Amino acid sequence: MRIAGGLLLGVVLAAMSGWGALALYYSDLPGHSLRSGLAVAFALAGLVAMVVALAPRQWRRKFLAGFLALFAVLLAWWSGIEPSNERDWQPEVARLAHAEIRGD
């Protein structure tokens, strides 16, 4: 049961780390190096959390709580991004579709 719980925790942490790193990399933050650096840092934080999940119980809870807090901050920031059509679109999708209905 303990092994299954550890594997499940590892899968959840890997998914959270992957989503967080990709969210930072594809965000609208200015500068490619800033986005890349933050994405790598978040992925490393997730990797550290996975390694520490195998550590003694007192360290495990602190690190996992820290990683969950970091993920919650990232999730709150991501949820606050306003959608916009005023972006640099590729030419084939730069215009919104529209239709005119005449009659039935």
C-alpha atoms as a PDB file:
ATOM      1  CA  MET A   1       0.000   0.000   0.000  1.00  0.00           C
ATOM      2  CA  ARG A   2       2.878   2.349   0.818  1.00  0.00           C
ATOM      3  CA  ILE A   3       4.517   1.701  -2.558  1.00  0.00           C
ATOM      4  CA  ALA A   4       1.261   2.382  -4.398  1.00  0.00           C
ATOM      5  CA  GLY A   5       0.814   5.629  -2.463  1.00  0.00           C
ATOM      6  CA  GLY A   6       4.367   6.675  -3.284  1.00  0.00           C
ATOM      7  CA  LEU A   7       3.857   5.933  -6.963  1.00  0.00           C
ATOM      8  CA  LEU A   8       0.601   7.855  -7.024  1.00  0.00           C
ATOM      9  CA  LEU A   9       2.259  10.811  -5.300  1.00  0.00           C
ATOM     10  CA  GLY A  10       5.087  10.699  -7.845  1.00  0.00           C
ATOM     11  CA  VAL A  11       2.672  10.696 -10.775  1.00  0.00           C
ATOM     12  CA  VAL A  12       0.695  13.609  -9.323  1.00  0.00           C
ATOM     13  CA  LEU A  13       3.856  15.624  -8.659  1.00  0.00           C
ATOM     14  CA  ALA A  14       5.155  14.893 -12.164  1.00  0.00           C
ATOM     15  CA  ALA A  15       1.877  16.053 -13.707  1.00  0.00           C
ATOM     16  CA  MET A  16       1.843  19.221 -11.609  1.00  0.00           C
ATOM     17  CA  SER A  17       5.469  19.946 -12.467  1.00  0.00           C
ATOM     18  CA  GLY A  18       4.936  19.374 -16.173  1.00  0.00           C
ATOM     19  CA  TRP A  19       1.820  21.535 -16.339  1.00  0.00           C
ATOM     20  CA  GLY A  20       3.451  24.307 -14.315  1.00  0.00           C
ATOM     21  CA  ALA A  21       6.614  24.337 -16.425  1.00  0.00           C
ATOM     22  CA  LEU A  22       4.619  24.452 -19.663  1.00  0.00           C
ATOM     23  CA  ALA A  23       2.299  27.147 -18.281  1.00  0.00           C
ATOM     24  CA  LEU A  24       5.291  29.322 -17.468  1.00  0.00           C
ATOM     25  CA  TYR A  25       7.043  28.607 -20.764  1.00  0.00           C
ATOM     26  CA  TYR A  26       4.007  29.461 -22.907  1.00  0.00           C
ATOM     27  CA  SER A  27       2.865  32.394 -20.750  1.00  0.00           C
ATOM     28  CA  ASP A  28       2.799  36.013 -21.862  1.00  0.00           C
ATOM     29  CA  LEU A  29       5.673  37.018 -19.595  1.00  0.00           C
ATOM     30  CA  PRO A  30       8.140  39.361 -21.334  1.00  0.00           C
ATOM     31  CA  GLY A  31      11.351  37.811 -22.567  1.00  0.00           C
ATOM     32  CA  HIS A  32      12.102  34.283 -23.696  1.00  0.00           C
ATOM     33  CA  SER A  33      14.928  33.856 -21.181  1.00  0.00           C
ATOM     34  CA  LEU A  34      12.655  34.798 -18.251  1.00  0.00           C
ATOM     35  CA  ARG A  35       9.978  32.321 -19.338  1.00  0.00           C
ATOM     36  CA  SER A  36      12.524  29.565 -19.941  1.00  0.00           C
ATOM     37  CA  GLY A  37      14.291  30.186 -16.649  1.00  0.00           C
ATOM     38  CA  LEU A  38      11.078  30.136 -14.636  1.00  0.00           C
ATOM     39  CA  ALA A  39       9.901  26.983 -16.422  1.00  0.00           C
ATOM     40  CA  VAL A  40      13.177  25.183 -15.700  1.00  0.00           C
ATOM     41  CA  ALA A  41      13.145  26.378 -12.076  1.00  0.00           C
ATOM     42  CA  PHE A  42       9.600  25.110 -11.568  1.00  0.00           C
ATOM     43  CA  ALA A  43      10.425  21.768 -13.164  1.00  0.00           C
ATOM     44  CA  LEU A  44      13.467  21.446 -10.883  1.00  0.00           C
ATOM     45  CA  ALA A  45      11.316  22.313  -7.864  1.00  0.00           C
ATOM     46  CA  GLY A  46       8.966  19.506  -8.868  1.00  0.00           C
ATOM     47  CA  LEU A  47      11.878  17.119  -9.290  1.00  0.00           C
ATOM     48  CA  VAL A  48      13.199  18.057  -5.851  1.00  0.00           C
ATOM     49  CA  ALA A  49       9.716  17.523  -4.409  1.00  0.00           C
ATOM     50  CA  MET A  50       9.597  14.050  -5.964  1.00  0.00           C
ATOM     51  CA  VAL A  51      13.018  13.145  -4.560  1.00  0.00           C
ATOM     52  CA  VAL A  52      12.189  14.556  -1.136  1.00  0.00           C
ATOM     53  CA  ALA A  53       8.943  12.577  -1.144  1.00  0.00           C
ATOM     54  CA  LEU A  54      11.175   9.581  -0.471  1.00  0.00           C
ATOM     55  CA  ALA A  55      12.870  11.333   2.481  1.00  0.00           C
ATOM     56  CA  PRO A  56      11.953  10.976   6.154  1.00  0.00           C
ATOM     57  CA  ARG A  57       8.481  12.111   7.105  1.00  0.00           C
ATOM     58  CA  GLN A  58       9.448  15.410   8.791  1.00  0.00           C
ATOM     59  CA  TRP A  59      11.195  16.740   5.663  1.00  0.00           C
ATOM     60  CA  ARG A  60       8.641  15.311   3.263  1.00  0.00           C
ATOM     61  CA  ARG A  61       5.717  17.260   4.657  1.00  0.00           C
ATOM     62  CA  LYS A  62       7.582  20.591   4.633  1.00  0.00           C
ATOM     63  CA  PHE A  63       8.819  20.242   1.072  1.00  0.00           C
ATOM     64  CA  LEU A  64       5.513  18.960  -0.268  1.00  0.00           C
ATOM     65  CA  ALA A  65       3.647  21.784   1.484  1.00  0.00           C
ATOM     66  CA  GLY A  66       6.089  24.289  -0.049  1.00  0.00           C
ATOM     67  CA  PHE A  67       5.663  22.829  -3.513  1.00  0.00           C
ATOM     68  CA  LEU A  68       1.870  22.807  -3.167  1.00  0.00           C
ATOM     69  CA  ALA A  69       1.960  26.459  -2.081  1.00  0.00           C
ATOM     70  CA  LEU A  70       4.140  27.310  -5.086  1.00  0.00           C
ATOM     71  CA  PHE A  71       1.753  25.444  -7.385  1.00  0.00           C
ATOM     72  CA  ALA A  72      -1.234  27.257  -5.844  1.00  0.00           C
ATOM     73  CA  VAL A  73       0.427  30.626  -6.518  1.00  0.00           C
ATOM     74  CA  LEU A  74       1.114  29.581 -10.108  1.00  0.00           C
ATOM     75  CA  LEU A  75      -2.472  28.401 -10.541  1.00  0.00           C
ATOM     76  CA  ALA A  76      -3.859  31.652  -9.124  1.00  0.00           C
ATOM     77  CA  TRP A  77      -1.612  33.686 -11.439  1.00  0.00           C
ATOM     78  CA  TRP A  78      -2.615  31.581 -14.458  1.00  0.00           C
ATOM     79  CA  SER A  79      -6.311  31.982 -13.651  1.00  0.00           C
ATOM     80  CA  GLY A  80      -5.899  35.759 -13.530  1.00  0.00           C
ATOM     81  CA  ILE A  81      -4.561  36.113 -17.088  1.00  0.00           C
ATOM     82  CA  GLU A  82      -7.085  38.009 -19.169  1.00  0.00           C
ATOM     83  CA  PRO A  83      -7.851  36.508 -22.596  1.00  0.00           C
ATOM     84  CA  SER A  84      -7.244  38.821 -25.541  1.00  0.00           C
ATOM     85  CA  ASN A  85      -7.669  38.817 -29.291  1.00  0.00           C
ATOM     86  CA  GLU A  86      -5.083  41.605 -29.584  1.00  0.00           C
ATOM     87  CA  ARG A  87      -2.147  39.257 -29.991  1.00  0.00           C
ATOM     88  CA  ASP A  88       0.317  38.546 -32.778  1.00  0.00           C
ATOM     89  CA  TRP A  89      -1.595  35.846 -34.671  1.00  0.00           C
ATOM     90  CA  GLN A  90      -0.503  33.788 -37.646  1.00  0.00           C
ATOM     91  CA  PRO A  91      -1.941  35.229 -40.888  1.00  0.00           C
ATOM     92  CA  GLU A  92      -4.289  32.297 -41.609  1.00  0.00           C
ATOM     93  CA  VAL A  93      -6.014  32.670 -38.223  1.00  0.00           C
ATOM     94  CA  ALA A  94      -5.641  36.431 -37.716  1.00  0.00           C
ATOM     95  CA  ARG A  95      -9.297  37.253 -38.445  1.00  0.00           C
ATOM     96  CA  LEU A  96     -12.306  36.078 -36.479  1.00  0.00           C
ATOM     97  CA  ALA A  97     -14.858  34.050 -38.388  1.00  0.00           C
ATOM     98  CA  HIS A  98     -18.208  35.698 -39.052  1.00  0.00           C
ATOM     99  CA  ALA A  99     -21.421  34.887 -40.898  1.00  0.00           C
ATOM    100  CA  GLU A 100     -24.439  36.750 -42.237  1.00  0.00           C
ATOM    101  CA  ILE A 101     -27.788  34.989 -42.233  1.00  0.00           C
ATOM    102  CA  ARG A 102     -30.332  36.142 -44.801  1.00  0.00           C
ATOM    103  CA  GLY A 103     -33.779  34.632 -44.684  1.00  0.00           C
ATOM    104  CA  ASP A 104     -34.448  31.248 -43.151  1.00  0.00           C
END
